[in-house]
């Protein structure tokens, strides 16, 4: 079994070293984690001008759906109807934005 990842077929033999401030390093590491990439993969994609998409947290989508269900219940309550509609609309927009496949 190869030590390369399934999508990594080419041999990466050249190396580029850069120095970063601790703040720059932490920022890039955070972006790499959000995208589900290693720091090296994120940096390589950035340098080559490739698109980077953050990984969506499935738990976050489930929570938004749960909140949407609660907002629907609120809409059925006469005293909460006016505030429930905008909340439900915002939740639907957030779910749609997170559920869109990466292009």
Protein backbone atom coordinates (compact mmCIF):
# COMPACT_ATOMS: atom_id res chain seq x y z
CA UNK A 1 0.00 0.00 0.00
CA UNK A 2 1.35 3.42 -0.94
CA UNK A 3 1.87 6.18 1.60
CA UNK A 4 0.39 8.71 -0.85
CA UNK A 5 -3.22 9.80 -0.58
CA UNK A 6 -5.67 8.44 -3.12
CA UNK A 7 -5.89 11.73 -5.01
CA UNK A 8 -2.16 12.45 -4.89
CA UNK A 9 -0.61 10.60 -7.85
CA UNK A 10 2.25 12.92 -8.73
CA UNK A 11 5.57 12.98 -6.95
CA UNK A 12 6.19 16.13 -4.97
CA UNK A 13 9.97 16.37 -4.97
CA UNK A 14 10.67 20.11 -4.82
CA UNK A 15 10.34 22.19 -1.68
CA UNK A 16 9.85 25.89 -1.01
CA UNK A 17 10.56 27.30 2.44
CA UNK A 18 9.04 30.52 3.75
CA UNK A 19 9.13 32.27 7.10
CA UNK A 20 5.94 33.49 8.73
CA UNK A 21 5.07 35.47 11.81
CA UNK A 22 3.25 33.48 14.50
CA UNK A 23 0.07 35.36 13.57
CA UNK A 24 0.42 34.52 9.87
CA UNK A 25 1.09 30.89 10.70
CA UNK A 26 -1.94 30.66 13.00
CA UNK A 27 -4.13 32.32 10.36
CA UNK A 28 -3.02 29.90 7.62
CA UNK A 29 -3.38 26.92 9.94
CA UNK A 30 -6.92 28.02 10.80
CA UNK A 31 -7.78 28.37 7.12
CA UNK A 32 -6.29 24.94 6.39
CA UNK A 33 -8.36 23.36 9.17
CA UNK A 34 -11.53 25.09 7.90
CA UNK A 35 -10.85 23.74 4.41
CA UNK A 36 -10.02 20.24 5.65
CA UNK A 37 -6.50 20.51 4.20
CA UNK A 38 -3.00 20.24 5.56
CA UNK A 39 -1.04 23.45 5.80
CA UNK A 40 1.14 22.27 2.90
CA UNK A 41 -1.88 21.50 0.71
CA UNK A 42 -3.49 24.86 1.49
CA UNK A 43 -0.26 26.72 0.72
CA UNK A 44 0.25 24.77 -2.52
CA UNK A 45 -3.30 25.55 -3.69
CA UNK A 46 -2.86 29.22 -2.79
CA UNK A 47 0.44 29.51 -4.64
CA UNK A 48 -1.01 27.83 -7.73
CA UNK A 49 -4.14 30.00 -7.65
CA UNK A 50 -6.48 27.04 -7.17
CA UNK A 51 -9.91 27.34 -5.54
CA UNK A 52 -10.12 26.53 -1.82
CA UNK A 53 -13.47 25.61 -0.30
CA UNK A 54 -14.14 25.33 3.41
CA UNK A 55 -15.55 22.03 4.62
CA UNK A 56 -19.10 22.39 5.90
CA UNK A 57 -19.80 20.99 9.31
CA UNK A 58 -22.68 18.50 8.99
CA UNK A 59 -23.52 19.06 12.65
CA UNK A 60 -23.99 22.76 11.95
CA UNK A 61 -26.43 22.01 9.14
CA UNK A 62 -28.38 19.64 11.42
CA UNK A 63 -28.57 22.34 14.10
CA UNK A 64 -29.84 24.90 11.60
CA UNK A 65 -32.51 22.45 10.46
CA UNK A 66 -33.51 21.87 14.08
CA UNK A 67 -33.77 25.62 14.64
CA UNK A 68 -35.84 25.89 11.48
CA UNK A 69 -38.29 23.34 12.90
CA UNK A 70 -38.55 25.37 16.09
CA UNK A 71 -39.11 28.55 14.06
CA UNK A 72 -41.95 26.80 12.20
CA UNK A 73 -43.56 26.00 15.53
CA UNK A 74 -43.16 29.63 16.58
CA UNK A 75 -44.93 30.77 13.42
CA UNK A 76 -47.96 28.73 14.46
CA UNK A 77 -48.07 30.61 17.78
CA UNK A 78 -50.05 33.83 17.21
CA UNK A 79 -47.92 35.98 19.53
CA UNK A 80 -44.67 34.86 17.85
CA UNK A 81 -45.84 34.81 14.23
CA UNK A 82 -44.32 38.18 13.23
CA UNK A 83 -40.86 37.40 14.58
CA UNK A 84 -40.91 33.77 13.41
CA UNK A 85 -41.13 34.47 9.67
CA UNK A 86 -37.88 36.49 9.32
CA UNK A 87 -36.03 33.99 11.51
CA UNK A 88 -37.25 31.06 9.43
CA UNK A 89 -36.26 32.89 6.24
CA UNK A 90 -32.74 33.55 7.59
CA UNK A 91 -32.32 29.93 8.67
CA UNK A 92 -33.42 28.67 5.23
CA UNK A 93 -30.90 30.98 3.54
CA UNK A 94 -28.11 29.77 5.83
CA UNK A 95 -28.94 26.10 5.18
CA UNK A 96 -29.07 26.69 1.42
CA UNK A 97 -25.72 28.49 1.46
CA UNK A 98 -24.05 25.73 3.48
CA UNK A 99 -25.62 22.88 1.51
CA UNK A 100 -24.52 24.14 -1.91
CA UNK A 101 -21.89 21.86 -3.42
CA UNK A 102 -18.48 23.36 -4.05
CA UNK A 103 -18.07 24.61 -7.60
